[in-house]
Amino acid sequence: MKYCPNCGRQLQDNEVCTCQTQNAQQQNTQAQPQFNQVNAQNAQPQFNQVNAQNAQPQFNQANVQNAQPQFNQANVQYAQPQFNKPQSPLQASLVDLCKNIFVRPYDAILNFLKMGSVGGAYIVLIATAILGFFNVLFDEIQSSMRYAYSEFSWTDVFKSSAIDLLDCLAVASIGALVIVCLTNAFDKKYNNRIDFKQAITVYAVSEIAYEVIRIVANLFEFFDVKFFDYISDVISRFGAGYEIMLVGLCITVFVKDKNKLPFTLGLAYAASKVASILINLLFNM
């Protein structure tokens, strides 16, 4: 009989003990669970924790709190209120004319001529008639102060103002029509056309300038001094000439054939004066 030197088990003849093989298998079985435990407890939970706590919540928070509210706030506060305040070309041209007529008169008149309309021109003509009302009022006051036989009369003031209004509208309309017809006939070779809107706007600007000069002249006549009477007469004559010169200067903005312009302005001035004479005769008879 023989025995295993490792475990002491009794062996048969030619038998080999398997105790060493069983011990090796048991050691492998104990080592493998420890490896799996480390992987399960350390590696996988750490990966999930990083993804769950850091990556996904930060992405959602940035999108919800920062990007979307800022975009909506800009659209509501800035874009929409500016869109709800439109301004018509007529309103813009009249406002620009009133603001810059004494600061930058040439630019203001030029912008009004380019952006004006028929309605805007007749609004200016009505404003001219209102200034003419003050001129008539000044004339009536001066007449009642200087002459004993003359008495102040509101009836005469309103009657003269109404005639001046019709006179202003007729002179501007007929003069504009003559200028449109003649300049379009003479400018055919340049393929340039002037419409009634541009011509009536020119007359509107010149008429209101003349009425302002007349107001200045009337203010000098309130001084019962011969020297101031001369100044008033000079200003009145200058105003009449300045009106004609201003019409010609403004028309050159639209007319390309300057050679026929004096003849055109002469006929337009003559036609306007004929219309003025007829209106005064009709209402003063």
C-alpha atoms as a PDB file:
ATOM      1  CA  MET A   1       0.000   0.000   0.000  1.00  0.00           C
ATOM      2  CA  LYS A   2       1.152   3.496  -0.722  1.00  0.00           C
ATOM      3  CA  TYR A   3      -0.168   6.905   0.302  1.00  0.00           C
ATOM      4  CA  CYS A   4      -0.363  10.395  -1.326  1.00  0.00           C
ATOM      5  CA  PRO A   5       2.367  12.596   0.059  1.00  0.00           C
ATOM      6  CA  ASN A   6       0.100  15.711  -0.241  1.00  0.00           C
ATOM      7  CA  CYS A   7      -3.235  14.707   1.207  1.00  0.00           C
ATOM      8  CA  GLY A   8      -2.308  11.351   2.838  1.00  0.00           C
ATOM      9  CA  ARG A   9      -5.064   9.391   1.005  1.00  0.00           C
ATOM     10  CA  GLN A  10      -4.429   5.664   0.519  1.00  0.00           C
ATOM     11  CA  LEU A  11      -3.774   4.876  -3.152  1.00  0.00           C
ATOM     12  CA  GLN A  12      -4.094   1.642  -5.091  1.00  0.00           C
ATOM     13  CA  ASP A  13      -1.325   0.268  -7.183  1.00  0.00           C
ATOM     14  CA  ASN A  14      -0.487   2.572 -10.146  1.00  0.00           C
ATOM     15  CA  GLU A  15      -3.161   5.147  -8.990  1.00  0.00           C
ATOM     16  CA  VAL A  16      -2.370   8.891  -9.235  1.00  0.00           C
ATOM     17  CA  CYS A  17      -3.939  11.246  -6.693  1.00  0.00           C
ATOM     18  CA  THR A  18      -5.976  14.179  -8.115  1.00  0.00           C
ATOM     19  CA  CYS A  19      -5.848  16.411  -5.076  1.00  0.00           C
ATOM     20  CA  GLN A  20      -3.573  18.961  -6.745  1.00  0.00           C
ATOM     21  CA  THR A  21      -5.922  19.338  -9.738  1.00  0.00           C
ATOM     22  CA  GLN A  22      -8.954  19.914  -7.477  1.00  0.00           C
ATOM     23  CA  ASN A  23      -7.072  22.540  -5.448  1.00  0.00           C
ATOM     24  CA  ALA A  24      -6.175  24.447  -8.624  1.00  0.00           C
ATOM     25  CA  GLN A  25      -9.828  24.440  -9.776  1.00  0.00           C
ATOM     26  CA  GLN A  26     -11.022  25.725  -6.404  1.00  0.00           C
ATOM     27  CA  GLN A  27      -8.531  28.600  -6.497  1.00  0.00           C
ATOM     28  CA  ASN A  28      -9.701  29.635  -9.980  1.00  0.00           C
ATOM     29  CA  THR A  29     -13.306  29.560  -8.860  1.00  0.00           C
ATOM     30  CA  GLN A  30     -12.578  31.877  -5.910  1.00  0.00           C
ATOM     31  CA  ALA A  31     -10.521  34.353  -8.027  1.00  0.00           C
ATOM     32  CA  GLN A  32     -13.178  34.804 -10.792  1.00  0.00           C
ATOM     33  CA  PRO A  33     -16.000  36.070  -8.558  1.00  0.00           C
ATOM     34  CA  GLN A  34     -13.701  38.734  -7.142  1.00  0.00           C
ATOM     35  CA  PHE A  35     -12.950  40.021 -10.646  1.00  0.00           C
ATOM     36  CA  ASN A  36     -16.620  40.217 -11.543  1.00  0.00           C
ATOM     37  CA  GLN A  37     -17.435  41.974  -8.298  1.00  0.00           C
ATOM     38  CA  VAL A  38     -14.904  44.723  -8.999  1.00  0.00           C
ATOM     39  CA  ASN A  39     -16.307  45.274 -12.469  1.00  0.00           C
ATOM     40  CA  ALA A  40     -19.893  45.310 -11.271  1.00  0.00           C
ATOM     41  CA  GLN A  41     -19.403  47.584  -8.311  1.00  0.00           C
ATOM     42  CA  ASN A  42     -16.791  50.072  -9.566  1.00  0.00           C
ATOM     43  CA  ALA A  43     -16.662  50.334 -13.340  1.00  0.00           C
ATOM     44  CA  GLN A  44     -20.305  50.202 -14.420  1.00  0.00           C
ATOM     45  CA  PRO A  45     -21.851  52.290 -11.641  1.00  0.00           C
ATOM     46  CA  GLN A  46     -19.277  55.044 -12.135  1.00  0.00           C
ATOM     47  CA  PHE A  47     -20.088  55.270 -15.853  1.00  0.00           C
ATOM     48  CA  ASN A  48     -23.807  55.500 -15.231  1.00  0.00           C
ATOM     49  CA  GLN A  49     -23.384  58.070 -12.504  1.00  0.00           C
ATOM     50  CA  VAL A  50     -21.385  60.414 -14.723  1.00  0.00           C
ATOM     51  CA  ASN A  51     -23.859  60.168 -17.566  1.00  0.00           C
ATOM     52  CA  ALA A  52     -26.906  60.575 -15.363  1.00  0.00           C
ATOM     53  CA  GLN A  53     -25.719  63.446 -13.170  1.00  0.00           C
ATOM     54  CA  ASN A  54     -23.473  65.584 -15.393  1.00  0.00           C
ATOM     55  CA  ALA A  55     -24.057  65.209 -19.123  1.00  0.00           C
ATOM     56  CA  GLN A  56     -27.816  64.985 -19.622  1.00  0.00           C
ATOM     57  CA  PRO A  57     -29.073  67.476 -16.986  1.00  0.00           C
ATOM     58  CA  GLN A  58     -26.615  70.209 -18.065  1.00  0.00           C
ATOM     59  CA  PHE A  59     -27.718  69.955 -21.696  1.00  0.00           C
ATOM     60  CA  ASN A  60     -31.410  70.293 -20.853  1.00  0.00           C
ATOM     61  CA  GLN A  61     -30.877  73.160 -18.426  1.00  0.00           C
ATOM     62  CA  ALA A  62     -28.916  75.198 -20.934  1.00  0.00           C
ATOM     63  CA  ASN A  63     -31.521  74.750 -23.668  1.00  0.00           C
ATOM     64  CA  VAL A  64     -34.551  75.520 -21.508  1.00  0.00           C
ATOM     65  CA  GLN A  65     -33.278  78.433 -19.407  1.00  0.00           C
ATOM     66  CA  ASN A  66     -30.895  80.326 -21.695  1.00  0.00           C
ATOM     67  CA  ALA A  67     -31.515  79.849 -25.415  1.00  0.00           C
ATOM     68  CA  GLN A  68     -35.299  79.870 -25.821  1.00  0.00           C
ATOM     69  CA  PRO A  69     -36.310  82.696 -23.425  1.00  0.00           C
ATOM     70  CA  GLN A  70     -33.735  85.137 -24.841  1.00  0.00           C
ATOM     71  CA  PHE A  71     -35.019  84.620 -28.382  1.00  0.00           C
ATOM     72  CA  ASN A  72     -38.627  85.261 -27.405  1.00  0.00           C
ATOM     73  CA  GLN A  73     -37.768  88.345 -25.367  1.00  0.00           C
ATOM     74  CA  ALA A  74     -35.959  89.984 -28.261  1.00  0.00           C
ATOM     75  CA  ASN A  75     -38.868  89.394 -30.621  1.00  0.00           C
ATOM     76  CA  VAL A  76     -41.500  90.730 -28.232  1.00  0.00           C
ATOM     77  CA  GLN A  77     -39.727  93.820 -26.921  1.00  0.00           C
ATOM     78  CA  TYR A  78     -37.894  95.145 -29.974  1.00  0.00           C
ATOM     79  CA  ALA A  79     -39.210  93.867 -33.268  1.00  0.00           C
ATOM     80  CA  GLN A  80     -42.969  94.165 -32.812  1.00  0.00           C
ATOM     81  CA  PRO A  81     -43.273  97.728 -31.370  1.00  0.00           C
ATOM     82  CA  GLN A  82     -41.152  99.232 -34.168  1.00  0.00           C
ATOM     83  CA  PHE A  83     -43.344  97.617 -36.817  1.00  0.00           C
ATOM     84  CA  ASN A  84     -46.523  99.211 -35.435  1.00  0.00           C
ATOM     85  CA  LYS A  85     -45.443 102.838 -36.073  1.00  0.00           C
ATOM     86  CA  PRO A  86     -45.704 103.521 -39.832  1.00  0.00           C
ATOM     87  CA  GLN A  87     -45.425 107.024 -41.301  1.00  0.00           C
ATOM     88  CA  SER A  88     -46.936 108.096 -44.619  1.00  0.00           C
ATOM     89  CA  PRO A  89     -44.782 109.853 -47.260  1.00  0.00           C
ATOM     90  CA  LEU A  90     -47.096 112.899 -47.138  1.00  0.00           C
ATOM     91  CA  GLN A  91     -46.735 113.238 -43.364  1.00  0.00           C
ATOM     92  CA  ALA A  92     -42.970 112.742 -43.530  1.00  0.00           C
ATOM     93  CA  SER A  93     -42.522 115.353 -46.290  1.00  0.00           C
ATOM     94  CA  LEU A  94     -44.668 117.979 -44.510  1.00  0.00           C
ATOM     95  CA  VAL A  95     -42.867 117.431 -41.191  1.00  0.00           C
ATOM     96  CA  ASP A  96     -39.484 117.690 -42.899  1.00  0.00           C
ATOM     97  CA  LEU A  97     -40.526 120.908 -44.668  1.00  0.00           C
ATOM     98  CA  CYS A  98     -41.695 122.540 -41.418  1.00  0.00           C
ATOM     99  CA  LYS A  99     -38.558 121.483 -39.510  1.00  0.00           C
ATOM    100  CA  ASN A 100     -35.902 122.503 -42.014  1.00  0.00           C
ATOM    101  CA  ILE A 101     -37.446 125.355 -44.011  1.00  0.00           C
ATOM    102  CA  PHE A 102     -35.494 127.954 -41.992  1.00  0.00           C
ATOM    103  CA  VAL A 103     -32.439 125.793 -41.166  1.00  0.00           C
ATOM    104  CA  ARG A 104     -31.777 124.101 -44.526  1.00  0.00           C
ATOM    105  CA  PRO A 105     -34.305 125.699 -46.921  1.00  0.00           C
ATOM    106  CA  TYR A 106     -32.870 124.323 -50.165  1.00  0.00           C
ATOM    107  CA  ASP A 107     -32.728 120.715 -48.910  1.00  0.00           C
ATOM    108  CA  ALA A 108     -36.169 120.977 -47.292  1.00  0.00           C
ATOM    109  CA  ILE A 109     -37.778 122.329 -50.479  1.00  0.00           C
ATOM    110  CA  LEU A 110     -35.995 119.773 -52.669  1.00  0.00           C
ATOM    111  CA  ASN A 111     -37.093 116.849 -50.480  1.00  0.00           C
ATOM    112  CA  PHE A 112     -40.662 118.151 -50.405  1.00  0.00           C
ATOM    113  CA  LEU A 113     -40.703 118.463 -54.198  1.00  0.00           C
ATOM    114  CA  LYS A 114     -39.522 114.874 -54.624  1.00  0.00           C
ATOM    115  CA  MET A 115     -41.715 113.303 -51.922  1.00  0.00           C
ATOM    116  CA  GLY A 116     -44.737 115.615 -52.060  1.00  0.00           C
ATOM    117  CA  SER A 117     -48.162 114.788 -53.438  1.00  0.00           C
ATOM    118  CA  VAL A 118     -51.150 116.666 -54.821  1.00  0.00           C
ATOM    119  CA  GLY A 119     -52.893 116.481 -51.440  1.00  0.00           C
ATOM    120  CA  GLY A 120     -49.801 117.771 -49.654  1.00  0.00           C
ATOM    121  CA  ALA A 121     -49.480 120.658 -52.119  1.00  0.00           C
ATOM    122  CA  TYR A 122     -53.089 121.760 -51.568  1.00  0.00           C
ATOM    123  CA  ILE A 123     -52.588 121.523 -47.796  1.00  0.00           C
ATOM    124  CA  VAL A 124     -49.701 123.971 -48.176  1.00  0.00           C
ATOM    125  CA  LEU A 125     -51.895 126.216 -50.328  1.00  0.00           C
ATOM    126  CA  ILE A 126     -54.573 126.259 -47.612  1.00  0.00           C
ATOM    127  CA  ALA A 127     -51.878 127.155 -45.076  1.00  0.00           C
ATOM    128  CA  THR A 128     -50.886 129.954 -47.447  1.00  0.00           C
ATOM    129  CA  ALA A 129     -54.468 131.217 -47.411  1.00  0.00           C
ATOM    130  CA  ILE A 130     -54.400 131.215 -43.580  1.00  0.00           C
ATOM    131  CA  LEU A 131     -51.291 133.400 -43.681  1.00  0.00           C
ATOM    132  CA  GLY A 132     -53.102 135.550 -46.216  1.00  0.00           C
ATOM    133  CA  PHE A 133     -55.910 135.974 -43.674  1.00  0.00           C
ATOM    134  CA  PHE A 134     -53.447 137.665 -41.309  1.00  0.00           C
ATOM    135  CA  ASN A 135     -52.253 139.923 -44.107  1.00  0.00           C
ATOM    136  CA  VAL A 136     -55.839 140.966 -44.841  1.00  0.00           C
ATOM    137  CA  LEU A 137     -56.414 141.541 -41.128  1.00  0.00           C
ATOM    138  CA  PHE A 138     -53.305 143.725 -40.891  1.00  0.00           C
ATOM    139  CA  ASP A 139     -54.429 145.749 -43.919  1.00  0.00           C
ATOM    140  CA  GLU A 140     -57.861 146.335 -42.389  1.00  0.00           C
ATOM    141  CA  ILE A 141     -56.386 147.418 -39.034  1.00  0.00           C
ATOM    142  CA  GLN A 142     -53.937 149.804 -40.721  1.00  0.00           C
ATOM    143  CA  SER A 143     -56.686 151.279 -42.864  1.00  0.00           C
ATOM    144  CA  SER A 144     -58.922 151.955 -39.851  1.00  0.00           C
ATOM    145  CA  MET A 145     -55.995 153.503 -37.944  1.00  0.00           C
ATOM    146  CA  ARG A 146     -54.786 155.853 -40.712  1.00  0.00           C
ATOM    147  CA  TYR A 147     -58.004 156.999 -42.308  1.00  0.00           C
ATOM    148  CA  ALA A 148     -60.830 158.552 -40.346  1.00  0.00           C
ATOM    149  CA  TYR A 149     -63.516 157.514 -42.841  1.00  0.00           C
ATOM    150  CA  SER A 150     -62.519 153.855 -42.708  1.00  0.00           C
ATOM    151  CA  GLU A 151     -63.884 151.570 -40.025  1.00  0.00           C
ATOM    152  CA  PHE A 152     -62.757 148.101 -39.095  1.00  0.00           C
ATOM    153  CA  SER A 153     -65.063 145.396 -40.511  1.00  0.00           C
ATOM    154  CA  TRP A 154     -64.812 141.653 -39.931  1.00  0.00           C
ATOM    155  CA  THR A 155     -67.094 141.147 -42.930  1.00  0.00           C
ATOM    156  CA  ASP A 156     -64.563 142.741 -45.241  1.00  0.00           C
ATOM    157  CA  VAL A 157     -61.767 140.700 -43.654  1.00  0.00           C
ATOM    158  CA  PHE A 158     -63.489 137.339 -44.220  1.00  0.00           C
ATOM    159  CA  LYS A 159     -64.669 138.305 -47.691  1.00  0.00           C
ATOM    160  CA  SER A 160     -61.185 139.349 -48.791  1.00  0.00           C
ATOM    161  CA  SER A 161     -59.713 136.203 -47.214  1.00  0.00           C
ATOM    162  CA  ALA A 162     -62.151 133.961 -49.109  1.00  0.00           C
ATOM    163  CA  ILE A 163     -61.288 135.700 -52.378  1.00  0.00           C
ATOM    164  CA  ASP A 164     -57.586 135.299 -51.645  1.00  0.00           C
ATOM    165  CA  LEU A 165     -58.099 131.586 -50.989  1.00  0.00           C
ATOM    166  CA  LEU A 166     -59.821 131.080 -54.354  1.00  0.00           C
ATOM    167  CA  ASP A 167     -57.209 133.257 -56.021  1.00  0.00           C
ATOM    168  CA  CYS A 168     -54.383 131.198 -54.530  1.00  0.00           C
ATOM    169  CA  LEU A 169     -55.892 127.864 -55.565  1.00  0.00           C
ATOM    170  CA  ALA A 170     -56.704 129.096 -59.094  1.00  0.00           C
ATOM    171  CA  VAL A 171     -53.313 130.698 -59.720  1.00  0.00           C
ATOM    172  CA  ALA A 172     -51.421 127.616 -58.540  1.00  0.00           C
ATOM    173  CA  SER A 173     -53.627 125.135 -60.436  1.00  0.00           C
ATOM    174  CA  ILE A 174     -53.651 126.996 -63.766  1.00  0.00           C
ATOM    175  CA  GLY A 175     -49.946 127.825 -63.588  1.00  0.00           C
ATOM    176  CA  ALA A 176     -49.146 124.174 -62.856  1.00  0.00           C
ATOM    177  CA  LEU A 177     -51.272 122.974 -65.780  1.00  0.00           C
ATOM    178  CA  VAL A 178     -49.546 125.346 -68.215  1.00  0.00           C
ATOM    179  CA  ILE A 179     -46.110 124.269 -67.023  1.00  0.00           C
ATOM    180  CA  VAL A 180     -47.004 120.565 -67.297  1.00  0.00           C
ATOM    181  CA  CYS A 181     -48.346 120.910 -70.849  1.00  0.00           C
ATOM    182  CA  LEU A 182     -45.474 123.036 -72.180  1.00  0.00           C
ATOM    183  CA  THR A 183     -42.578 121.259 -70.497  1.00  0.00           C
ATOM    184  CA  ASN A 184     -43.847 117.838 -71.549  1.00  0.00           C
ATOM    185  CA  ALA A 185     -44.131 119.121 -75.131  1.00  0.00           C
ATOM    186  CA  PHE A 186     -40.606 120.593 -75.108  1.00  0.00           C
ATOM    187  CA  ASP A 187     -38.901 117.707 -73.264  1.00  0.00           C
ATOM    188  CA  LYS A 188     -40.008 114.926 -75.584  1.00  0.00           C
ATOM    189  CA  LYS A 189     -36.535 114.403 -76.993  1.00  0.00           C
ATOM    190  CA  TYR A 190     -35.215 113.784 -73.474  1.00  0.00           C
ATOM    191  CA  ASN A 191     -38.024 111.316 -72.708  1.00  0.00           C
ATOM    192  CA  ASN A 192     -38.720 113.338 -69.557  1.00  0.00           C
ATOM    193  CA  ARG A 193     -42.249 113.789 -68.205  1.00  0.00           C
ATOM    194  CA  ILE A 194     -43.420 116.216 -65.516  1.00  0.00           C
ATOM    195  CA  ASP A 195     -46.677 115.379 -63.777  1.00  0.00           C
ATOM    196  CA  PHE A 196     -49.198 117.705 -62.136  1.00  0.00           C
ATOM    197  CA  LYS A 197     -48.072 116.646 -58.661  1.00  0.00           C
ATOM    198  CA  GLN A 198     -44.590 118.082 -59.182  1.00  0.00           C
ATOM    199  CA  ALA A 199     -45.800 121.334 -60.753  1.00  0.00           C
ATOM    200  CA  ILE A 200     -48.477 122.093 -58.135  1.00  0.00           C
ATOM    201  CA  THR A 201     -45.962 121.370 -55.384  1.00  0.00           C
ATOM    202  CA  VAL A 202     -43.623 123.986 -56.880  1.00  0.00           C
ATOM    203  CA  TYR A 203     -46.392 126.584 -56.811  1.00  0.00           C
ATOM    204  CA  ALA A 204     -47.369 125.659 -53.262  1.00  0.00           C
ATOM    205  CA  VAL A 205     -43.823 126.267 -52.008  1.00  0.00           C
ATOM    206  CA  SER A 206     -43.531 129.588 -53.840  1.00  0.00           C
ATOM    207  CA  GLU A 207     -46.932 130.853 -52.651  1.00  0.00           C
ATOM    208  CA  ILE A 208     -46.268 130.179 -48.969  1.00  0.00           C
ATOM    209  CA  ALA A 209     -42.856 131.875 -49.244  1.00  0.00           C
ATOM    210  CA  TYR A 210     -44.511 134.960 -50.756  1.00  0.00           C
ATOM    211  CA  GLU A 211     -47.122 135.154 -47.981  1.00  0.00           C
ATOM    212  CA  VAL A 212     -44.426 135.016 -45.304  1.00  0.00           C
ATOM    213  CA  ILE A 213     -42.635 137.939 -46.979  1.00  0.00           C
ATOM    214  CA  ARG A 214     -45.915 139.872 -47.142  1.00  0.00           C
ATOM    215  CA  ILE A 215     -46.431 139.419 -43.394  1.00  0.00           C
ATOM    216  CA  VAL A 216     -42.999 140.935 -42.747  1.00  0.00           C
ATOM    217  CA  ALA A 217     -43.833 143.867 -45.031  1.00  0.00           C
ATOM    218  CA  ASN A 218     -47.160 144.460 -43.259  1.00  0.00           C
ATOM    219  CA  LEU A 219     -45.498 144.515 -39.860  1.00  0.00           C
ATOM    220  CA  PHE A 220     -43.281 147.426 -41.008  1.00  0.00           C
ATOM    221  CA  GLU A 221     -46.358 149.382 -42.107  1.00  0.00           C
ATOM    222  CA  PHE A 222     -47.635 149.488 -38.526  1.00  0.00           C
ATOM    223  CA  PHE A 223     -44.969 152.125 -37.865  1.00  0.00           C
ATOM    224  CA  ASP A 224     -46.453 155.383 -39.127  1.00  0.00           C
ATOM    225  CA  VAL A 225     -43.096 156.550 -40.427  1.00  0.00           C
ATOM    226  CA  LYS A 226     -42.263 157.285 -44.044  1.00  0.00           C
ATOM    227  CA  PHE A 227     -38.984 155.370 -43.885  1.00  0.00           C
ATOM    228  CA  PHE A 228     -40.715 152.165 -42.769  1.00  0.00           C
ATOM    229  CA  ASP A 229     -43.273 152.598 -45.546  1.00  0.00           C
ATOM    230  CA  TYR A 230     -40.440 152.543 -48.078  1.00  0.00           C
ATOM    231  CA  ILE A 231     -38.980 149.426 -46.476  1.00  0.00           C
ATOM    232  CA  SER A 232     -42.384 147.736 -46.598  1.00  0.00           C
ATOM    233  CA  ASP A 233     -42.772 148.623 -50.287  1.00  0.00           C
ATOM    234  CA  VAL A 234     -39.316 147.237 -51.100  1.00  0.00           C
ATOM    235  CA  ILE A 235     -40.047 144.002 -49.251  1.00  0.00           C
ATOM    236  CA  SER A 236     -43.387 143.588 -51.062  1.00  0.00           C
ATOM    237  CA  ARG A 237     -41.772 144.090 -54.472  1.00  0.00           C
ATOM    238  CA  PHE A 238     -38.991 141.701 -53.545  1.00  0.00           C
ATOM    239  CA  GLY A 239     -41.583 139.132 -52.476  1.00  0.00           C
ATOM    240  CA  ALA A 240     -43.359 139.265 -55.837  1.00  0.00           C
ATOM    241  CA  GLY A 241     -40.091 138.848 -57.735  1.00  0.00           C
ATOM    242  CA  TYR A 242     -38.873 136.168 -55.355  1.00  0.00           C
ATOM    243  CA  GLU A 243     -42.028 134.119 -55.951  1.00  0.00           C
ATOM    244  CA  ILE A 244     -41.428 134.063 -59.707  1.00  0.00           C
ATOM    245  CA  MET A 245     -37.730 133.311 -59.253  1.00  0.00           C
ATOM    246  CA  LEU A 246     -38.486 130.470 -56.820  1.00  0.00           C
ATOM    247  CA  VAL A 247     -40.912 128.860 -59.283  1.00  0.00           C
ATOM    248  CA  GLY A 248     -38.271 128.955 -62.014  1.00  0.00           C
ATOM    249  CA  LEU A 249     -35.581 127.585 -59.708  1.00  0.00           C
ATOM    250  CA  CYS A 250     -37.740 124.680 -58.552  1.00  0.00           C
ATOM    251  CA  ILE A 251     -38.853 123.804 -62.074  1.00  0.00           C
ATOM    252  CA  THR A 252     -35.214 123.380 -63.143  1.00  0.00           C
ATOM    253  CA  VAL A 253     -35.076 120.328 -60.843  1.00  0.00           C
ATOM    254  CA  PHE A 254     -37.437 118.489 -63.214  1.00  0.00           C
ATOM    255  CA  VAL A 255     -36.854 120.164 -66.603  1.00  0.00           C
ATOM    256  CA  LYS A 256     -33.930 119.099 -68.793  1.00  0.00           C
ATOM    257  CA  ASP A 257     -34.500 121.496 -71.689  1.00  0.00           C
ATOM    258  CA  LYS A 258     -33.599 124.788 -70.002  1.00  0.00           C
ATOM    259  CA  ASN A 259     -33.780 126.823 -73.242  1.00  0.00           C
ATOM    260  CA  LYS A 260     -37.595 126.831 -73.356  1.00  0.00           C
ATOM    261  CA  LEU A 261     -38.005 127.477 -69.635  1.00  0.00           C
ATOM    262  CA  PRO A 262     -38.323 131.326 -69.698  1.00  0.00           C
ATOM    263  CA  PHE A 263     -41.046 131.118 -72.342  1.00  0.00           C
ATOM    264  CA  THR A 264     -42.855 128.427 -70.333  1.00  0.00           C
ATOM    265  CA  LEU A 265     -42.734 130.418 -67.099  1.00  0.00           C
ATOM    266  CA  GLY A 266     -43.915 133.582 -68.870  1.00  0.00           C
ATOM    267  CA  LEU A 267     -47.013 131.878 -70.267  1.00  0.00           C
ATOM    268  CA  ALA A 268     -47.753 130.218 -66.931  1.00  0.00           C
ATOM    269  CA  TYR A 269     -47.466 133.575 -65.105  1.00  0.00           C
ATOM    270  CA  ALA A 270     -49.717 135.286 -67.643  1.00  0.00           C
ATOM    271  CA  ALA A 271     -52.373 132.571 -67.425  1.00  0.00           C
ATOM    272  CA  SER A 272     -52.304 132.761 -63.611  1.00  0.00           C
ATOM    273  CA  LYS A 273     -52.762 136.527 -63.623  1.00  0.00           C
ATOM    274  CA  VAL A 274     -55.712 136.280 -65.993  1.00  0.00           C
ATOM    275  CA  ALA A 275     -57.349 133.778 -63.640  1.00  0.00           C
ATOM    276  CA  SER A 276     -56.677 136.073 -60.666  1.00  0.00           C
ATOM    277  CA  ILE A 277     -58.220 139.079 -62.409  1.00  0.00           C
ATOM    278  CA  LEU A 278     -61.334 137.129 -63.338  1.00  0.00           C
ATOM    279  CA  ILE A 279     -61.864 135.898 -59.766  1.00  0.00           C
ATOM    280  CA  ASN A 280     -61.482 139.388 -58.288  1.00  0.00           C
ATOM    281  CA  LEU A 281     -63.862 140.890 -60.842  1.00  0.00           C
ATOM    282  CA  LEU A 282     -66.421 138.143 -60.222  1.00  0.00           C
ATOM    283  CA  PHE A 283     -66.568 138.628 -56.420  1.00  0.00           C
ATOM    284  CA  ASN A 284     -66.060 142.405 -56.237  1.00  0.00           C
ATOM    285  CA  MET A 285     -68.717 143.516 -58.702  1.00  0.00           C
END
